[in-house]
């Protein structure tokens, strides 16, 4: 049995994690980034970023393939949270950039 994560998630971030099928991926990324970047622990960033990307990859949006690709890269560094966090943030910034461009 594994323990629950020992960190607090802001209410807005919980909403975004649960709303992946109701909001565009670009909107989720744009809104989640400021919250994600506030975490000082790279493992927390990696875990939350992976969950956001996983939720996006399971949706039927056009960004699903991009999220899946980022998750595949993250899987190459299972024991290194900083590179995993960097990949997650870069992928989410790419998606958020599409919202800004639109």
N, C-alpha and C. Protein backbone atom coordinates (compact mmCIF):
# COMPACT_ATOMS: atom_id res chain seq x y z
N UNK A 1 0.85 -1.18 0.00
CA UNK A 1 0.00 0.00 0.00
C UNK A 1 0.89 1.24 0.00
N UNK A 2 0.62 2.18 -0.87
CA UNK A 2 1.42 3.39 -0.95
C UNK A 2 0.72 4.53 -0.23
N UNK A 3 1.52 5.41 0.29
CA UNK A 3 0.98 6.56 1.02
C UNK A 3 0.50 7.62 0.04
N UNK A 4 -0.44 8.41 0.48
CA UNK A 4 -0.93 9.53 -0.33
C UNK A 4 0.16 10.59 -0.41
N UNK A 5 0.16 11.41 -1.47
CA UNK A 5 1.15 12.49 -1.55
C UNK A 5 1.09 13.37 -0.31
N UNK A 6 2.25 13.80 0.13
CA UNK A 6 2.32 14.57 1.37
C UNK A 6 2.37 16.07 1.13
N UNK A 7 1.82 16.53 0.03
CA UNK A 7 1.82 17.95 -0.24
C UNK A 7 0.41 18.43 -0.53
N UNK A 8 0.22 19.70 -0.29
CA UNK A 8 -1.09 20.33 -0.46
C UNK A 8 -1.20 20.84 -1.90
N UNK A 9 -2.31 20.56 -2.54
CA UNK A 9 -2.57 21.08 -3.88
C UNK A 9 -3.56 22.22 -3.78
N UNK A 10 -3.24 23.35 -4.40
CA UNK A 10 -4.20 24.46 -4.42
C UNK A 10 -5.51 24.00 -5.08
N UNK A 11 -6.59 24.58 -4.62
CA UNK A 11 -7.91 24.20 -5.12
C UNK A 11 -8.02 24.36 -6.64
N UNK A 12 -7.41 25.41 -7.17
CA UNK A 12 -7.46 25.64 -8.62
C UNK A 12 -6.76 24.51 -9.37
N UNK A 13 -5.66 24.01 -8.83
CA UNK A 13 -4.92 22.94 -9.47
C UNK A 13 -5.70 21.63 -9.42
N UNK A 14 -6.36 21.38 -8.33
CA UNK A 14 -7.22 20.19 -8.22
C UNK A 14 -8.33 20.27 -9.26
N UNK A 15 -8.93 21.44 -9.41
CA UNK A 15 -9.98 21.64 -10.40
C UNK A 15 -9.45 21.34 -11.81
N UNK A 16 -8.25 21.83 -12.12
CA UNK A 16 -7.67 21.60 -13.44
C UNK A 16 -7.38 20.12 -13.67
N UNK A 17 -6.90 19.44 -12.65
CA UNK A 17 -6.64 18.01 -12.77
C UNK A 17 -7.92 17.23 -13.05
N UNK A 18 -9.02 17.69 -12.50
CA UNK A 18 -10.30 16.99 -12.66
C UNK A 18 -11.09 17.45 -13.88
N UNK A 19 -10.69 18.54 -14.51
CA UNK A 19 -11.49 19.14 -15.59
C UNK A 19 -10.91 18.94 -16.97
N UNK A 20 -10.02 17.99 -17.12
CA UNK A 20 -9.33 17.84 -18.39
C UNK A 20 -10.29 17.56 -19.55
N UNK A 21 -11.40 16.92 -19.28
CA UNK A 21 -12.35 16.61 -20.36
C UNK A 21 -13.32 17.75 -20.64
N UNK A 22 -13.28 18.80 -19.82
CA UNK A 22 -14.21 19.91 -19.98
C UNK A 22 -13.54 21.19 -20.47
N UNK A 23 -12.23 21.26 -20.37
CA UNK A 23 -11.49 22.46 -20.76
C UNK A 23 -10.48 22.11 -21.83
N UNK A 24 -10.16 23.06 -22.71
CA UNK A 24 -9.10 22.80 -23.69
C UNK A 24 -7.76 22.59 -22.99
N UNK A 25 -6.92 21.74 -23.56
CA UNK A 25 -5.60 21.44 -22.97
C UNK A 25 -4.77 22.70 -22.81
N UNK A 26 -4.88 23.61 -23.77
CA UNK A 26 -4.12 24.85 -23.71
C UNK A 26 -4.53 25.68 -22.49
N UNK A 27 -5.82 25.70 -22.21
CA UNK A 27 -6.33 26.44 -21.05
C UNK A 27 -5.85 25.81 -19.75
N UNK A 28 -5.88 24.49 -19.69
CA UNK A 28 -5.40 23.78 -18.50
C UNK A 28 -3.93 24.09 -18.26
N UNK A 29 -3.12 24.00 -19.31
CA UNK A 29 -1.69 24.27 -19.18
C UNK A 29 -1.44 25.71 -18.75
N UNK A 30 -2.14 26.63 -19.38
CA UNK A 30 -1.97 28.06 -19.07
C UNK A 30 -2.30 28.35 -17.61
N UNK A 31 -3.36 27.77 -17.11
CA UNK A 31 -3.79 28.02 -15.73
C UNK A 31 -2.97 27.23 -14.71
N UNK A 32 -2.48 26.06 -15.09
CA UNK A 32 -1.74 25.21 -14.15
C UNK A 32 -0.30 25.65 -13.95
N UNK A 33 0.31 26.22 -14.97
CA UNK A 33 1.74 26.57 -14.88
C UNK A 33 2.10 27.43 -13.68
N UNK A 34 1.41 28.52 -13.42
CA UNK A 34 1.80 29.34 -12.26
C UNK A 34 1.76 28.56 -10.94
N UNK A 35 0.78 27.67 -10.80
CA UNK A 35 0.68 26.86 -9.59
C UNK A 35 1.81 25.84 -9.52
N UNK A 36 2.08 25.21 -10.65
CA UNK A 36 3.11 24.18 -10.69
C UNK A 36 4.50 24.77 -10.42
N UNK A 37 4.76 25.94 -10.96
CA UNK A 37 6.07 26.55 -10.79
C UNK A 37 6.32 27.03 -9.36
N UNK A 38 5.28 27.15 -8.56
CA UNK A 38 5.45 27.58 -7.16
C UNK A 38 6.02 26.48 -6.27
N UNK A 39 5.87 25.23 -6.66
CA UNK A 39 6.41 24.14 -5.85
C UNK A 39 7.93 24.17 -5.91
N UNK A 40 8.56 24.11 -4.75
CA UNK A 40 10.03 24.14 -4.72
C UNK A 40 10.62 22.75 -4.91
N UNK A 41 9.87 21.72 -4.62
CA UNK A 41 10.35 20.35 -4.72
C UNK A 41 10.17 19.83 -6.15
N UNK A 42 11.28 19.43 -6.78
CA UNK A 42 11.23 18.94 -8.16
C UNK A 42 10.37 17.68 -8.27
N UNK A 43 10.39 16.84 -7.25
CA UNK A 43 9.58 15.62 -7.29
C UNK A 43 8.09 15.96 -7.33
N UNK A 44 7.69 16.98 -6.59
CA UNK A 44 6.29 17.41 -6.62
C UNK A 44 5.93 17.95 -7.99
N UNK A 45 6.81 18.79 -8.54
CA UNK A 45 6.55 19.33 -9.88
C UNK A 45 6.41 18.21 -10.89
N UNK A 46 7.33 17.24 -10.81
CA UNK A 46 7.30 16.13 -11.77
C UNK A 46 6.03 15.30 -11.63
N UNK A 47 5.64 15.01 -10.40
CA UNK A 47 4.45 14.18 -10.17
C UNK A 47 3.18 14.89 -10.63
N UNK A 48 3.03 16.14 -10.28
CA UNK A 48 1.83 16.89 -10.67
C UNK A 48 1.83 17.13 -12.17
N UNK A 49 2.98 17.51 -12.72
CA UNK A 49 3.08 17.71 -14.17
C UNK A 49 2.76 16.44 -14.94
N UNK A 50 3.25 15.31 -14.45
CA UNK A 50 2.96 14.04 -15.11
C UNK A 50 1.47 13.73 -15.05
N UNK A 51 0.83 14.04 -13.94
CA UNK A 51 -0.61 13.78 -13.83
C UNK A 51 -1.40 14.67 -14.79
N UNK A 52 -1.02 15.93 -14.87
CA UNK A 52 -1.68 16.83 -15.83
C UNK A 52 -1.50 16.32 -17.25
N UNK A 53 -0.26 15.97 -17.61
CA UNK A 53 0.01 15.48 -18.96
C UNK A 53 -0.70 14.15 -19.22
N UNK A 54 -0.75 13.30 -18.22
CA UNK A 54 -1.45 12.03 -18.37
C UNK A 54 -2.94 12.25 -18.63
N UNK A 55 -3.53 13.15 -17.88
CA UNK A 55 -4.95 13.47 -18.09
C UNK A 55 -5.18 14.04 -19.48
N UNK A 56 -4.29 14.91 -19.93
CA UNK A 56 -4.41 15.50 -21.27
C UNK A 56 -4.24 14.41 -22.33
N UNK A 57 -3.28 13.50 -22.13
CA UNK A 57 -3.02 12.46 -23.13
C UNK A 57 -4.19 11.49 -23.26
N UNK A 58 -4.98 11.35 -22.22
CA UNK A 58 -6.13 10.44 -22.25
C UNK A 58 -7.38 11.10 -22.84
N UNK A 59 -7.31 12.39 -23.08
CA UNK A 59 -8.47 13.08 -23.65
C UNK A 59 -8.43 12.95 -25.17
N UNK A 60 -9.46 13.45 -25.80
CA UNK A 60 -9.54 13.36 -27.25
C UNK A 60 -9.13 14.66 -27.93
N UNK A 61 -8.38 15.50 -27.23
CA UNK A 61 -7.99 16.79 -27.79
C UNK A 61 -6.77 16.63 -28.71
N UNK A 62 -6.48 17.67 -29.45
CA UNK A 62 -5.36 17.62 -30.38
C UNK A 62 -4.02 17.62 -29.67
N UNK A 63 -3.98 18.03 -28.43
CA UNK A 63 -2.73 18.07 -27.66
C UNK A 63 -2.40 16.72 -27.03
N UNK A 64 -3.25 15.73 -27.17
CA UNK A 64 -3.04 14.43 -26.52
C UNK A 64 -1.73 13.78 -26.97
N UNK A 65 -1.42 13.87 -28.25
CA UNK A 65 -0.19 13.26 -28.76
C UNK A 65 1.04 13.96 -28.19
N UNK A 66 0.99 15.27 -28.10
CA UNK A 66 2.10 16.03 -27.53
C UNK A 66 2.31 15.68 -26.06
N UNK A 67 1.23 15.53 -25.33
CA UNK A 67 1.32 15.16 -23.91
C UNK A 67 1.88 13.75 -23.77
N UNK A 68 1.46 12.84 -24.63
CA UNK A 68 1.99 11.47 -24.60
C UNK A 68 3.48 11.44 -24.88
N UNK A 69 3.91 12.26 -25.82
CA UNK A 69 5.33 12.33 -26.14
C UNK A 69 6.14 12.84 -24.94
N UNK A 70 5.63 13.84 -24.26
CA UNK A 70 6.31 14.37 -23.07
C UNK A 70 6.37 13.31 -21.97
N UNK A 71 5.31 12.55 -21.81
CA UNK A 71 5.30 11.48 -20.80
C UNK A 71 6.33 10.40 -21.14
N UNK A 72 6.49 10.11 -22.43
CA UNK A 72 7.49 9.12 -22.85
C UNK A 72 8.90 9.59 -22.52
N UNK A 73 9.15 10.88 -22.72
CA UNK A 73 10.46 11.43 -22.37
C UNK A 73 10.66 11.39 -20.86
N UNK A 74 9.63 11.74 -20.11
CA UNK A 74 9.72 11.71 -18.65
C UNK A 74 10.00 10.30 -18.14
N UNK A 75 9.47 9.30 -18.82
CA UNK A 75 9.66 7.91 -18.40
C UNK A 75 11.12 7.47 -18.51
N UNK A 76 11.91 8.18 -19.31
CA UNK A 76 13.33 7.85 -19.45
C UNK A 76 14.14 8.25 -18.22
N UNK A 77 13.57 9.06 -17.35
CA UNK A 77 14.25 9.55 -16.15
C UNK A 77 13.44 9.20 -14.90
N UNK A 78 13.16 7.92 -14.66
CA UNK A 78 12.25 7.59 -13.55
C UNK A 78 12.76 7.98 -12.17
N UNK A 79 14.07 8.06 -12.00
CA UNK A 79 14.62 8.34 -10.67
C UNK A 79 15.26 9.73 -10.58
N UNK A 80 14.99 10.58 -11.56
CA UNK A 80 15.58 11.92 -11.59
C UNK A 80 14.47 12.96 -11.70
N UNK A 81 14.01 13.49 -10.57
CA UNK A 81 12.86 14.40 -10.60
C UNK A 81 13.11 15.72 -11.32
N UNK A 82 14.32 16.26 -11.28
CA UNK A 82 14.55 17.55 -11.94
C UNK A 82 14.35 17.48 -13.45
N UNK A 83 14.95 16.50 -14.14
CA UNK A 83 14.68 16.42 -15.58
C UNK A 83 13.21 16.13 -15.88
N UNK A 84 12.58 15.30 -15.06
CA UNK A 84 11.16 15.00 -15.27
C UNK A 84 10.33 16.27 -15.11
N UNK A 85 10.63 17.06 -14.09
CA UNK A 85 9.91 18.31 -13.87
C UNK A 85 10.15 19.28 -15.02
N UNK A 86 11.39 19.34 -15.50
CA UNK A 86 11.71 20.25 -16.61
C UNK A 86 10.95 19.87 -17.87
N UNK A 87 10.85 18.58 -18.15
CA UNK A 87 10.10 18.12 -19.33
C UNK A 87 8.62 18.47 -19.17
N UNK A 88 8.06 18.22 -18.01
CA UNK A 88 6.64 18.51 -17.79
C UNK A 88 6.36 20.00 -17.95
N UNK A 89 7.20 20.83 -17.36
CA UNK A 89 6.98 22.28 -17.45
C UNK A 89 7.17 22.76 -18.88
N UNK A 90 8.17 22.23 -19.58
CA UNK A 90 8.38 22.63 -20.98
C UNK A 90 7.17 22.25 -21.84
N UNK A 91 6.64 21.05 -21.64
CA UNK A 91 5.48 20.62 -22.41
C UNK A 91 4.26 21.49 -22.11
N UNK A 92 4.05 21.78 -20.84
CA UNK A 92 2.91 22.62 -20.46
C UNK A 92 3.09 24.05 -20.97
N UNK A 93 4.32 24.55 -20.97
CA UNK A 93 4.57 25.89 -21.53
C UNK A 93 4.29 25.91 -23.02
N UNK A 94 4.64 24.83 -23.71
CA UNK A 94 4.33 24.74 -25.14
C UNK A 94 2.84 24.80 -25.40
N UNK A 95 2.09 24.06 -24.59
CA UNK A 95 0.63 24.09 -24.73
C UNK A 95 0.06 25.45 -24.36
N UNK A 96 0.58 26.03 -23.29
CA UNK A 96 0.10 27.36 -22.86
C UNK A 96 0.42 28.41 -23.91
N UNK A 97 1.54 28.26 -24.58
CA UNK A 97 1.91 29.20 -25.64
C UNK A 97 0.92 29.20 -26.79
N UNK A 98 0.33 28.05 -27.04
CA UNK A 98 -0.70 27.98 -28.09
C UNK A 98 -1.92 28.81 -27.72
N UNK A 99 -2.26 28.83 -26.43
CA UNK A 99 -3.40 29.64 -25.98
C UNK A 99 -3.10 31.11 -26.18
N UNK A 100 -1.87 31.51 -25.86
CA UNK A 100 -1.47 32.91 -26.03
C UNK A 100 -1.44 33.31 -27.49
N UNK A 101 -1.10 32.36 -28.37
CA UNK A 101 -1.03 32.66 -29.79
C UNK A 101 -2.41 32.76 -30.43
N UNK A 102 -3.38 32.12 -29.82
CA UNK A 102 -4.73 32.09 -30.40
C UNK A 102 -5.48 33.38 -30.20
